[in-house]
């Protein structure tokens, strides 16, 4: 069976999340892109799809663009949900 590039990237991202899973730990998208050589924008789309079905959770980063923060928003992924 042949996977699409999107499917392969999704599996590789989930692998990183699974290997680094801890309930209190977040994983930055940049970490996944560097470890797996996945384009950041493509990975963001994939993780948004996984988030919409409840497979991963995201949070704004420390330097988010909130009322008191002027930095850019970074997404952090908390990992796989445990049933």
C-alpha atoms as a PDB file:
ATOM      1  CA  UNK A   1       0.000   0.000   0.000  1.00  0.00           C
ATOM      2  CA  UNK A   2       1.341   3.390  -0.952  1.00  0.00           C
ATOM      3  CA  UNK A   3       0.858   6.374   1.358  1.00  0.00           C
ATOM      4  CA  UNK A   4       0.442   9.921   0.175  1.00  0.00           C
ATOM      5  CA  UNK A   5       3.108  12.385   1.209  1.00  0.00           C
ATOM      6  CA  UNK A   6       0.590  13.959   3.599  1.00  0.00           C
ATOM      7  CA  UNK A   7      -0.095  10.558   5.179  1.00  0.00           C
ATOM      8  CA  UNK A   8       3.603   9.829   5.559  1.00  0.00           C
ATOM      9  CA  UNK A   9       4.227  13.196   7.209  1.00  0.00           C
ATOM     10  CA  UNK A  10       1.270  12.672   9.539  1.00  0.00           C
ATOM     11  CA  UNK A  11       2.607   9.295  10.646  1.00  0.00           C
ATOM     12  CA  UNK A  12       6.091  10.708  11.177  1.00  0.00           C
ATOM     13  CA  UNK A  13       4.691  13.586  13.258  1.00  0.00           C
ATOM     14  CA  UNK A  14       2.586  11.206  15.362  1.00  0.00           C
ATOM     15  CA  UNK A  15       5.679   9.055  15.877  1.00  0.00           C
ATOM     16  CA  UNK A  16       7.584  12.016  17.341  1.00  0.00           C
ATOM     17  CA  UNK A  17       4.623  12.893  19.556  1.00  0.00           C
ATOM     18  CA  UNK A  18       4.339   9.314  20.771  1.00  0.00           C
ATOM     19  CA  UNK A  19       8.045   8.963  21.482  1.00  0.00           C
ATOM     20  CA  UNK A  20       8.057  12.191  23.496  1.00  0.00           C
ATOM     21  CA  UNK A  21       4.683  11.797  25.220  1.00  0.00           C
ATOM     22  CA  UNK A  22       4.310  13.067  28.766  1.00  0.00           C
ATOM     23  CA  UNK A  23       1.051  14.542  30.121  1.00  0.00           C
ATOM     24  CA  UNK A  24       2.751  17.771  31.225  1.00  0.00           C
ATOM     25  CA  UNK A  25       5.089  18.165  28.255  1.00  0.00           C
ATOM     26  CA  UNK A  26       4.507  20.164  25.114  1.00  0.00           C
ATOM     27  CA  UNK A  27       6.356  19.711  21.854  1.00  0.00           C
ATOM     28  CA  UNK A  28       7.010  22.684  19.610  1.00  0.00           C
ATOM     29  CA  UNK A  29       6.151  22.318  15.931  1.00  0.00           C
ATOM     30  CA  UNK A  30       9.670  23.417  15.096  1.00  0.00           C
ATOM     31  CA  UNK A  31      11.016  20.369  16.943  1.00  0.00           C
ATOM     32  CA  UNK A  32       9.002  18.019  14.745  1.00  0.00           C
ATOM     33  CA  UNK A  33       9.950  19.839  11.549  1.00  0.00           C
ATOM     34  CA  UNK A  34      13.639  19.658  12.416  1.00  0.00           C
ATOM     35  CA  UNK A  35      13.604  16.001  13.478  1.00  0.00           C
ATOM     36  CA  UNK A  36      11.522  14.774  10.549  1.00  0.00           C
ATOM     37  CA  UNK A  37      12.424  17.318   7.855  1.00  0.00           C
ATOM     38  CA  UNK A  38       8.768  18.244   7.248  1.00  0.00           C
ATOM     39  CA  UNK A  39       7.889  21.708   5.879  1.00  0.00           C
ATOM     40  CA  UNK A  40       6.446  23.793   8.736  1.00  0.00           C
ATOM     41  CA  UNK A  41       3.356  25.059   6.895  1.00  0.00           C
ATOM     42  CA  UNK A  42       2.497  21.562   5.691  1.00  0.00           C
ATOM     43  CA  UNK A  43       2.930  20.171   9.211  1.00  0.00           C
ATOM     44  CA  UNK A  44       0.699  22.910  10.648  1.00  0.00           C
ATOM     45  CA  UNK A  45      -2.077  21.888   8.242  1.00  0.00           C
ATOM     46  CA  UNK A  46      -1.691  18.222   9.169  1.00  0.00           C
ATOM     47  CA  UNK A  47      -1.689  18.952  12.914  1.00  0.00           C
ATOM     48  CA  UNK A  48      -4.759  21.181  12.530  1.00  0.00           C
ATOM     49  CA  UNK A  49      -6.545  18.235  10.905  1.00  0.00           C
ATOM     50  CA  UNK A  50      -5.455  15.954  13.756  1.00  0.00           C
ATOM     51  CA  UNK A  51      -6.592  18.585  16.259  1.00  0.00           C
ATOM     52  CA  UNK A  52     -10.028  18.889  14.653  1.00  0.00           C
ATOM     53  CA  UNK A  53     -10.674  15.168  15.189  1.00  0.00           C
ATOM     54  CA  UNK A  54      -9.380  15.323  18.777  1.00  0.00           C
ATOM     55  CA  UNK A  55      -6.122  13.447  18.219  1.00  0.00           C
ATOM     56  CA  UNK A  56      -3.797  16.216  19.426  1.00  0.00           C
ATOM     57  CA  UNK A  57      -4.177  19.415  21.407  1.00  0.00           C
ATOM     58  CA  UNK A  58      -2.470  22.725  20.731  1.00  0.00           C
ATOM     59  CA  UNK A  59      -1.538  25.750  22.813  1.00  0.00           C
ATOM     60  CA  UNK A  60      -0.123  29.147  22.075  1.00  0.00           C
ATOM     61  CA  UNK A  61       3.522  29.534  22.914  1.00  0.00           C
ATOM     62  CA  UNK A  62       5.083  31.695  25.576  1.00  0.00           C
ATOM     63  CA  UNK A  63       5.661  34.501  23.071  1.00  0.00           C
ATOM     64  CA  UNK A  64       2.086  34.423  21.794  1.00  0.00           C
ATOM     65  CA  UNK A  65       0.476  37.496  20.288  1.00  0.00           C
ATOM     66  CA  UNK A  66      -1.879  38.217  23.174  1.00  0.00           C
ATOM     67  CA  UNK A  67      -2.744  41.629  24.606  1.00  0.00           C
ATOM     68  CA  UNK A  68       0.505  41.940  26.540  1.00  0.00           C
ATOM     69  CA  UNK A  69       2.770  39.948  24.231  1.00  0.00           C
ATOM     70  CA  UNK A  70       4.009  41.436  21.013  1.00  0.00           C
ATOM     71  CA  UNK A  71       5.670  38.277  19.712  1.00  0.00           C
ATOM     72  CA  UNK A  72       4.446  35.924  17.077  1.00  0.00           C
ATOM     73  CA  UNK A  73       2.177  33.034  17.992  1.00  0.00           C
ATOM     74  CA  UNK A  74       3.792  29.626  18.077  1.00  0.00           C
ATOM     75  CA  UNK A  75       1.781  26.464  18.362  1.00  0.00           C
ATOM     76  CA  UNK A  76       2.797  23.852  20.851  1.00  0.00           C
ATOM     77  CA  UNK A  77       1.516  20.324  20.616  1.00  0.00           C
ATOM     78  CA  UNK A  78       0.823  18.485  23.841  1.00  0.00           C
ATOM     79  CA  UNK A  79       0.924  15.037  22.329  1.00  0.00           C
ATOM     80  CA  UNK A  80      -1.446  12.176  21.890  1.00  0.00           C
ATOM     81  CA  UNK A  81      -4.577  11.879  23.967  1.00  0.00           C
ATOM     82  CA  UNK A  82      -4.699   8.801  26.120  1.00  0.00           C
ATOM     83  CA  UNK A  83      -8.064   6.946  26.090  1.00  0.00           C
END
